[in-house]
């Protein structure tokens, strides 16, 4: 059964609304509310990204670039650069996956078999992550292994309460002014650590529905 590839998960988390609860520090709690407000106000979002993944099995780092666009509810388009790069286009009902330069296209209904349940909740602007994640200050041991690139970000750690996906934990860095995510680390149960650096992050640019329809 086809499932969204692991490197794709962060974009779903990056876009959508999540209630950040259970935080101990008053300052972190206040900023988490600012983040939630910013994402609730975003009808669409677009960004460039650099993805660096340390593959434990190969003991090497793989780097890729791309662009991502999102629009509520449930529409997204993610394009990686390069020959035979991955492309995802979703109009909220069907997901299209193809590789650049390849005429073969795979089409799937958007359901729990193609997109993780947590992601479906985000994309629809529904759900409550209090039951799915513990959100807190970044653990010092994790902090030591993260090679952060952007300065002056506000960082938070998310840990799934239930093991429903391959994600063990995420660490997110937000711009303190816009409250939009600028950098992300994801650690999976396979031992891989993915690092995403986002650039040109813009919300509410007026993306059209037609941009999320697959075109041959």
C-alpha atoms as a PDB file:
ATOM      1  CA  UNK A   1       0.000   0.000   0.000  1.00  0.00           C
ATOM      2  CA  UNK A   2       1.352   3.413  -0.949  1.00  0.00           C
ATOM      3  CA  UNK A   3       2.123   5.802   1.893  1.00  0.00           C
ATOM      4  CA  UNK A   4       3.567   9.292   1.826  1.00  0.00           C
ATOM      5  CA  UNK A   5       7.346   9.051   2.059  1.00  0.00           C
ATOM      6  CA  UNK A   6       8.896  10.026   5.384  1.00  0.00           C
ATOM      7  CA  UNK A   7      10.621  13.209   4.104  1.00  0.00           C
ATOM      8  CA  UNK A   8       7.179  14.562   3.190  1.00  0.00           C
ATOM      9  CA  UNK A   9       5.712  14.612   6.716  1.00  0.00           C
ATOM     10  CA  UNK A  10       7.184  17.930   7.914  1.00  0.00           C
ATOM     11  CA  UNK A  11       5.286  20.039   5.413  1.00  0.00           C
ATOM     12  CA  UNK A  12       2.011  18.800   6.810  1.00  0.00           C
ATOM     13  CA  UNK A  13       3.124  19.692  10.313  1.00  0.00           C
ATOM     14  CA  UNK A  14       4.513  23.031   9.172  1.00  0.00           C
ATOM     15  CA  UNK A  15       1.270  24.278   7.700  1.00  0.00           C
ATOM     16  CA  UNK A  16      -1.495  23.492  10.047  1.00  0.00           C
ATOM     17  CA  UNK A  17      -3.121  24.517  13.197  1.00  0.00           C
ATOM     18  CA  UNK A  18      -2.108  22.805  16.375  1.00  0.00           C
ATOM     19  CA  UNK A  19      -3.002  23.617  19.996  1.00  0.00           C
ATOM     20  CA  UNK A  20       0.251  23.823  21.941  1.00  0.00           C
ATOM     21  CA  UNK A  21      -0.733  22.794  25.454  1.00  0.00           C
ATOM     22  CA  UNK A  22       0.828  21.384  28.593  1.00  0.00           C
ATOM     23  CA  UNK A  23       3.863  23.680  28.457  1.00  0.00           C
ATOM     24  CA  UNK A  24       5.522  24.476  31.763  1.00  0.00           C
ATOM     25  CA  UNK A  25       7.233  27.797  31.070  1.00  0.00           C
ATOM     26  CA  UNK A  26       4.966  30.816  31.024  1.00  0.00           C
ATOM     27  CA  UNK A  27       6.967  32.488  28.260  1.00  0.00           C
ATOM     28  CA  UNK A  28       6.854  29.397  26.074  1.00  0.00           C
ATOM     29  CA  UNK A  29       3.130  29.073  26.649  1.00  0.00           C
ATOM     30  CA  UNK A  30       2.581  32.669  25.567  1.00  0.00           C
ATOM     31  CA  UNK A  31       4.631  32.210  22.421  1.00  0.00           C
ATOM     32  CA  UNK A  32       2.884  28.948  21.583  1.00  0.00           C
ATOM     33  CA  UNK A  33      -0.402  30.852  21.522  1.00  0.00           C
ATOM     34  CA  UNK A  34       1.157  33.354  19.123  1.00  0.00           C
ATOM     35  CA  UNK A  35       2.180  30.480  16.852  1.00  0.00           C
ATOM     36  CA  UNK A  36      -1.309  28.995  16.919  1.00  0.00           C
ATOM     37  CA  UNK A  37      -2.881  32.361  16.109  1.00  0.00           C
ATOM     38  CA  UNK A  38      -0.509  32.869  13.159  1.00  0.00           C
ATOM     39  CA  UNK A  39      -1.338  29.495  11.606  1.00  0.00           C
ATOM     40  CA  UNK A  40      -5.051  29.864  12.215  1.00  0.00           C
ATOM     41  CA  UNK A  41      -4.899  33.126  10.262  1.00  0.00           C
ATOM     42  CA  UNK A  42      -3.038  31.545   7.327  1.00  0.00           C
ATOM     43  CA  UNK A  43      -5.337  30.498   4.485  1.00  0.00           C
ATOM     44  CA  UNK A  44      -2.305  29.593   2.396  1.00  0.00           C
ATOM     45  CA  UNK A  45       1.431  29.241   2.870  1.00  0.00           C
ATOM     46  CA  UNK A  46       4.440  28.879   0.575  1.00  0.00           C
ATOM     47  CA  UNK A  47       8.164  28.407   1.102  1.00  0.00           C
ATOM     48  CA  UNK A  48      11.458  27.242  -0.342  1.00  0.00           C
ATOM     49  CA  UNK A  49      13.293  24.514   1.546  1.00  0.00           C
ATOM     50  CA  UNK A  50      16.595  22.712   1.872  1.00  0.00           C
ATOM     51  CA  UNK A  51      16.337  19.171   3.205  1.00  0.00           C
ATOM     52  CA  UNK A  52      19.346  17.446   4.740  1.00  0.00           C
ATOM     53  CA  UNK A  53      18.845  13.872   5.877  1.00  0.00           C
ATOM     54  CA  UNK A  54      21.393  11.772   7.721  1.00  0.00           C
ATOM     55  CA  UNK A  55      20.670   8.185   6.649  1.00  0.00           C
ATOM     56  CA  UNK A  56      21.819   5.920   9.472  1.00  0.00           C
ATOM     57  CA  UNK A  57      21.989   2.788   7.317  1.00  0.00           C
ATOM     58  CA  UNK A  58      24.311   4.461   4.785  1.00  0.00           C
ATOM     59  CA  UNK A  59      26.121   6.619   7.350  1.00  0.00           C
ATOM     60  CA  UNK A  60      25.898   9.625   5.037  1.00  0.00           C
ATOM     61  CA  UNK A  61      23.959  12.867   4.610  1.00  0.00           C
ATOM     62  CA  UNK A  62      21.781  13.525   1.558  1.00  0.00           C
ATOM     63  CA  UNK A  63      20.830  17.099   0.658  1.00  0.00           C
ATOM     64  CA  UNK A  64      17.930  18.230  -1.570  1.00  0.00           C
ATOM     65  CA  UNK A  65      16.094  21.461  -2.391  1.00  0.00           C
ATOM     66  CA  UNK A  66      12.529  22.248  -3.322  1.00  0.00           C
ATOM     67  CA  UNK A  67       9.435  24.410  -2.963  1.00  0.00           C
ATOM     68  CA  UNK A  68       6.189  23.796  -1.065  1.00  0.00           C
ATOM     69  CA  UNK A  69       2.772  25.438  -1.271  1.00  0.00           C
ATOM     70  CA  UNK A  70      -0.309  24.814   0.874  1.00  0.00           C
ATOM     71  CA  UNK A  71      -3.893  26.026   0.926  1.00  0.00           C
ATOM     72  CA  UNK A  72      -6.718  25.216   3.306  1.00  0.00           C
ATOM     73  CA  UNK A  73      -8.440  22.893   3.414  1.00  0.00           C
ATOM     74  CA  UNK A  74      -6.136  20.055   2.454  1.00  0.00           C
ATOM     75  CA  UNK A  75      -4.482  21.314  -0.745  1.00  0.00           C
ATOM     76  CA  UNK A  76      -0.734  21.140  -1.225  1.00  0.00           C
ATOM     77  CA  UNK A  77       1.992  21.020  -3.859  1.00  0.00           C
ATOM     78  CA  UNK A  78       5.573  19.978  -3.120  1.00  0.00           C
ATOM     79  CA  UNK A  79       8.290  19.918  -5.750  1.00  0.00           C
ATOM     80  CA  UNK A  80      11.875  18.768  -5.312  1.00  0.00           C
ATOM     81  CA  UNK A  81      14.591  20.048  -7.656  1.00  0.00           C
ATOM     82  CA  UNK A  82      16.656  17.846  -9.962  1.00  0.00           C
ATOM     83  CA  UNK A  83      16.243  14.977 -12.410  1.00  0.00           C
ATOM     84  CA  UNK A  84      13.704  12.329 -11.386  1.00  0.00           C
ATOM     85  CA  UNK A  85      12.834  14.393  -8.314  1.00  0.00           C
ATOM     86  CA  UNK A  86       9.677  13.726  -6.286  1.00  0.00           C
ATOM     87  CA  UNK A  87       6.528  15.766  -6.915  1.00  0.00           C
ATOM     88  CA  UNK A  88       3.306  15.754  -4.856  1.00  0.00           C
ATOM     89  CA  UNK A  89       0.096  17.512  -5.913  1.00  0.00           C
ATOM     90  CA  UNK A  90      -3.103  17.285  -3.858  1.00  0.00           C
ATOM     91  CA  UNK A  91      -6.435  19.033  -4.481  1.00  0.00           C
ATOM     92  CA  UNK A  92      -7.803  17.932  -1.114  1.00  0.00           C
ATOM     93  CA  UNK A  93      -9.442  14.776  -2.473  1.00  0.00           C
ATOM     94  CA  UNK A  94      -6.847  13.115  -4.712  1.00  0.00           C
ATOM     95  CA  UNK A  95      -3.101  12.912  -4.297  1.00  0.00           C
ATOM     96  CA  UNK A  96      -0.863  12.719  -7.388  1.00  0.00           C
ATOM     97  CA  UNK A  97       2.711  11.510  -7.144  1.00  0.00           C
ATOM     98  CA  UNK A  98       5.231  11.541  -9.997  1.00  0.00           C
ATOM     99  CA  UNK A  99       8.911  12.001 -10.678  1.00  0.00           C
ATOM    100  CA  UNK A 100      10.245  14.815 -12.829  1.00  0.00           C
ATOM    101  CA  UNK A 101      10.864  13.562 -16.369  1.00  0.00           C
ATOM    102  CA  UNK A 102       8.774  10.411 -15.879  1.00  0.00           C
ATOM    103  CA  UNK A 103       5.400  10.172 -17.644  1.00  0.00           C
ATOM    104  CA  UNK A 104       4.064   7.686 -15.109  1.00  0.00           C
ATOM    105  CA  UNK A 105       1.754   9.259 -12.517  1.00  0.00           C
ATOM    106  CA  UNK A 106       0.262   7.586  -9.459  1.00  0.00           C
ATOM    107  CA  UNK A 107      -3.121   8.775  -8.178  1.00  0.00           C
ATOM    108  CA  UNK A 108      -4.530   7.987  -4.738  1.00  0.00           C
ATOM    109  CA  UNK A 109      -7.553   9.060  -2.702  1.00  0.00           C
ATOM    110  CA  UNK A 110      -6.651  11.168   0.306  1.00  0.00           C
ATOM    111  CA  UNK A 111      -7.310   8.912   3.279  1.00  0.00           C
ATOM    112  CA  UNK A 112      -5.465   7.290   6.158  1.00  0.00           C
ATOM    113  CA  UNK A 113      -3.696   4.856   3.810  1.00  0.00           C
ATOM    114  CA  UNK A 114      -1.967   7.636   1.877  1.00  0.00           C
ATOM    115  CA  UNK A 115      -1.530  10.376   4.475  1.00  0.00           C
ATOM    116  CA  UNK A 116      -1.023   9.757   8.210  1.00  0.00           C
ATOM    117  CA  UNK A 117      -4.068  10.385  10.398  1.00  0.00           C
ATOM    118  CA  UNK A 118      -2.293  13.252  12.162  1.00  0.00           C
ATOM    119  CA  UNK A 119      -1.618  14.932   8.840  1.00  0.00           C
ATOM    120  CA  UNK A 120      -5.213  14.565   7.680  1.00  0.00           C
ATOM    121  CA  UNK A 121      -6.286  16.283  10.867  1.00  0.00           C
ATOM    122  CA  UNK A 122      -3.914  19.165  10.220  1.00  0.00           C
ATOM    123  CA  UNK A 123      -4.832  19.585   6.573  1.00  0.00           C
ATOM    124  CA  UNK A 124      -8.501  19.870   7.321  1.00  0.00           C
ATOM    125  CA  UNK A 125      -7.905  22.386  10.079  1.00  0.00           C
ATOM    126  CA  UNK A 126      -9.540  19.881  12.416  1.00  0.00           C
ATOM    127  CA  UNK A 127      -8.451  17.859  15.391  1.00  0.00           C
ATOM    128  CA  UNK A 128      -6.713  18.617  18.628  1.00  0.00           C
ATOM    129  CA  UNK A 129      -3.062  17.719  19.051  1.00  0.00           C
ATOM    130  CA  UNK A 130      -3.298  17.692  22.832  1.00  0.00           C
ATOM    131  CA  UNK A 131      -4.176  14.028  22.499  1.00  0.00           C
ATOM    132  CA  UNK A 132      -1.413  13.344  19.952  1.00  0.00           C
ATOM    133  CA  UNK A 133       1.666  15.258  21.104  1.00  0.00           C
ATOM    134  CA  UNK A 134       3.515  16.455  24.153  1.00  0.00           C
ATOM    135  CA  UNK A 135       4.929  19.917  23.403  1.00  0.00           C
ATOM    136  CA  UNK A 136       7.717  21.322  25.560  1.00  0.00           C
ATOM    137  CA  UNK A 137      11.129  22.942  25.708  1.00  0.00           C
ATOM    138  CA  UNK A 138      13.831  21.147  23.684  1.00  0.00           C
ATOM    139  CA  UNK A 139      15.593  18.378  25.600  1.00  0.00           C
ATOM    140  CA  UNK A 140      19.249  19.271  26.213  1.00  0.00           C
ATOM    141  CA  UNK A 141      20.527  15.918  24.889  1.00  0.00           C
ATOM    142  CA  UNK A 142      18.657  16.397  21.623  1.00  0.00           C
ATOM    143  CA  UNK A 143      19.796  20.002  21.471  1.00  0.00           C
ATOM    144  CA  UNK A 144      23.426  18.852  21.435  1.00  0.00           C
ATOM    145  CA  UNK A 145      23.006  16.812  18.242  1.00  0.00           C
ATOM    146  CA  UNK A 146      21.119  19.452  16.224  1.00  0.00           C
ATOM    147  CA  UNK A 147      23.121  21.570  13.774  1.00  0.00           C
ATOM    148  CA  UNK A 148      20.955  24.678  13.728  1.00  0.00           C
ATOM    149  CA  UNK A 149      21.530  27.153  10.916  1.00  0.00           C
ATOM    150  CA  UNK A 150      19.243  30.096  11.690  1.00  0.00           C
ATOM    151  CA  UNK A 151      19.820  32.374  14.636  1.00  0.00           C
ATOM    152  CA  UNK A 152      17.343  33.947  17.052  1.00  0.00           C
ATOM    153  CA  UNK A 153      14.539  31.411  16.538  1.00  0.00           C
ATOM    154  CA  UNK A 154      12.147  30.212  19.253  1.00  0.00           C
ATOM    155  CA  UNK A 155      12.404  26.431  19.559  1.00  0.00           C
ATOM    156  CA  UNK A 156       9.863  23.791  20.666  1.00  0.00           C
ATOM    157  CA  UNK A 157       9.898  19.998  20.854  1.00  0.00           C
ATOM    158  CA  UNK A 158       6.963  17.753  19.873  1.00  0.00           C
ATOM    159  CA  UNK A 159       6.767  14.076  20.866  1.00  0.00           C
ATOM    160  CA  UNK A 160       3.920  11.781  19.724  1.00  0.00           C
ATOM    161  CA  UNK A 161       1.907  10.415  22.633  1.00  0.00           C
ATOM    162  CA  UNK A 162       0.977   7.308  20.627  1.00  0.00           C
ATOM    163  CA  UNK A 163       3.107   5.448  18.123  1.00  0.00           C
ATOM    164  CA  UNK A 164       1.011   5.958  14.987  1.00  0.00           C
ATOM    165  CA  UNK A 165       3.738   7.029  12.582  1.00  0.00           C
ATOM    166  CA  UNK A 166       7.478   6.640  12.053  1.00  0.00           C
ATOM    167  CA  UNK A 167       8.209   9.939  13.790  1.00  0.00           C
ATOM    168  CA  UNK A 168       9.887   9.733  17.206  1.00  0.00           C
ATOM    169  CA  UNK A 169      10.150  13.479  17.801  1.00  0.00           C
ATOM    170  CA  UNK A 170      10.266  16.854  16.082  1.00  0.00           C
ATOM    171  CA  UNK A 171      12.082  20.050  17.016  1.00  0.00           C
ATOM    172  CA  UNK A 172      10.704  23.243  15.424  1.00  0.00           C
ATOM    173  CA  UNK A 173      12.236  26.723  15.248  1.00  0.00           C
ATOM    174  CA  UNK A 174       9.880  29.696  14.757  1.00  0.00           C
ATOM    175  CA  UNK A 175      10.495  33.304  13.797  1.00  0.00           C
ATOM    176  CA  UNK A 176       9.763  35.286  16.981  1.00  0.00           C
ATOM    177  CA  UNK A 177       7.984  38.061  15.046  1.00  0.00           C
ATOM    178  CA  UNK A 178       5.885  36.258  12.426  1.00  0.00           C
ATOM    179  CA  UNK A 179       5.579  33.033  14.494  1.00  0.00           C
ATOM    180  CA  UNK A 180       6.023  31.017  11.271  1.00  0.00           C
ATOM    181  CA  UNK A 181       8.359  28.022  11.216  1.00  0.00           C
ATOM    182  CA  UNK A 182      11.829  28.595   9.769  1.00  0.00           C
ATOM    183  CA  UNK A 183      13.717  25.411  10.659  1.00  0.00           C
ATOM    184  CA  UNK A 184      12.765  21.832  11.550  1.00  0.00           C
ATOM    185  CA  UNK A 185      14.384  18.602  12.726  1.00  0.00           C
ATOM    186  CA  UNK A 186      12.638  15.205  12.522  1.00  0.00           C
ATOM    187  CA  UNK A 187      13.981  12.007  14.060  1.00  0.00           C
ATOM    188  CA  UNK A 188      12.382   8.739  12.911  1.00  0.00           C
ATOM    189  CA  UNK A 189      12.304   5.238  14.337  1.00  0.00           C
ATOM    190  CA  UNK A 190      14.746   4.131  11.611  1.00  0.00           C
ATOM    191  CA  UNK A 191      17.430   6.336  13.145  1.00  0.00           C
ATOM    192  CA  UNK A 192      17.338   8.949  10.376  1.00  0.00           C
ATOM    193  CA  UNK A 193      17.537  12.630  11.273  1.00  0.00           C
ATOM    194  CA  UNK A 194      16.080  15.071   8.731  1.00  0.00           C
ATOM    195  CA  UNK A 195      16.880  18.761   8.905  1.00  0.00           C
ATOM    196  CA  UNK A 196      14.799  21.323   6.994  1.00  0.00           C
ATOM    197  CA  UNK A 197      15.687  24.977   6.540  1.00  0.00           C
ATOM    198  CA  UNK A 198      12.873  27.113   5.117  1.00  0.00           C
ATOM    199  CA  UNK A 199      13.287  30.320   3.145  1.00  0.00           C
ATOM    200  CA  UNK A 200      10.929  32.899   1.638  1.00  0.00           C
ATOM    201  CA  UNK A 201       8.164  31.770   4.001  1.00  0.00           C
ATOM    202  CA  UNK A 202       5.005  33.696   3.093  1.00  0.00           C
ATOM    203  CA  UNK A 203       1.395  33.394   4.247  1.00  0.00           C
ATOM    204  CA  UNK A 204      -1.851  34.565   2.620  1.00  0.00           C
ATOM    205  CA  UNK A 205      -0.452  35.274  -0.840  1.00  0.00           C
ATOM    206  CA  UNK A 206      -3.724  34.376  -2.572  1.00  0.00           C
ATOM    207  CA  UNK A 207      -2.867  30.969  -4.011  1.00  0.00           C
ATOM    208  CA  UNK A 208      -5.602  29.784  -6.413  1.00  0.00           C
ATOM    209  CA  UNK A 209      -7.349  26.401  -6.194  1.00  0.00           C
ATOM    210  CA  UNK A 210      -6.351  25.683  -9.803  1.00  0.00           C
ATOM    211  CA  UNK A 211      -2.692  25.617  -8.753  1.00  0.00           C
ATOM    212  CA  UNK A 212      -3.392  22.407  -6.813  1.00  0.00           C
ATOM    213  CA  UNK A 213      -4.897  20.462  -9.690  1.00  0.00           C
ATOM    214  CA  UNK A 214      -2.615  17.984 -11.445  1.00  0.00           C
ATOM    215  CA  UNK A 215      -1.864  18.962 -15.036  1.00  0.00           C
ATOM    216  CA  UNK A 216      -0.208  16.635 -17.528  1.00  0.00           C
END
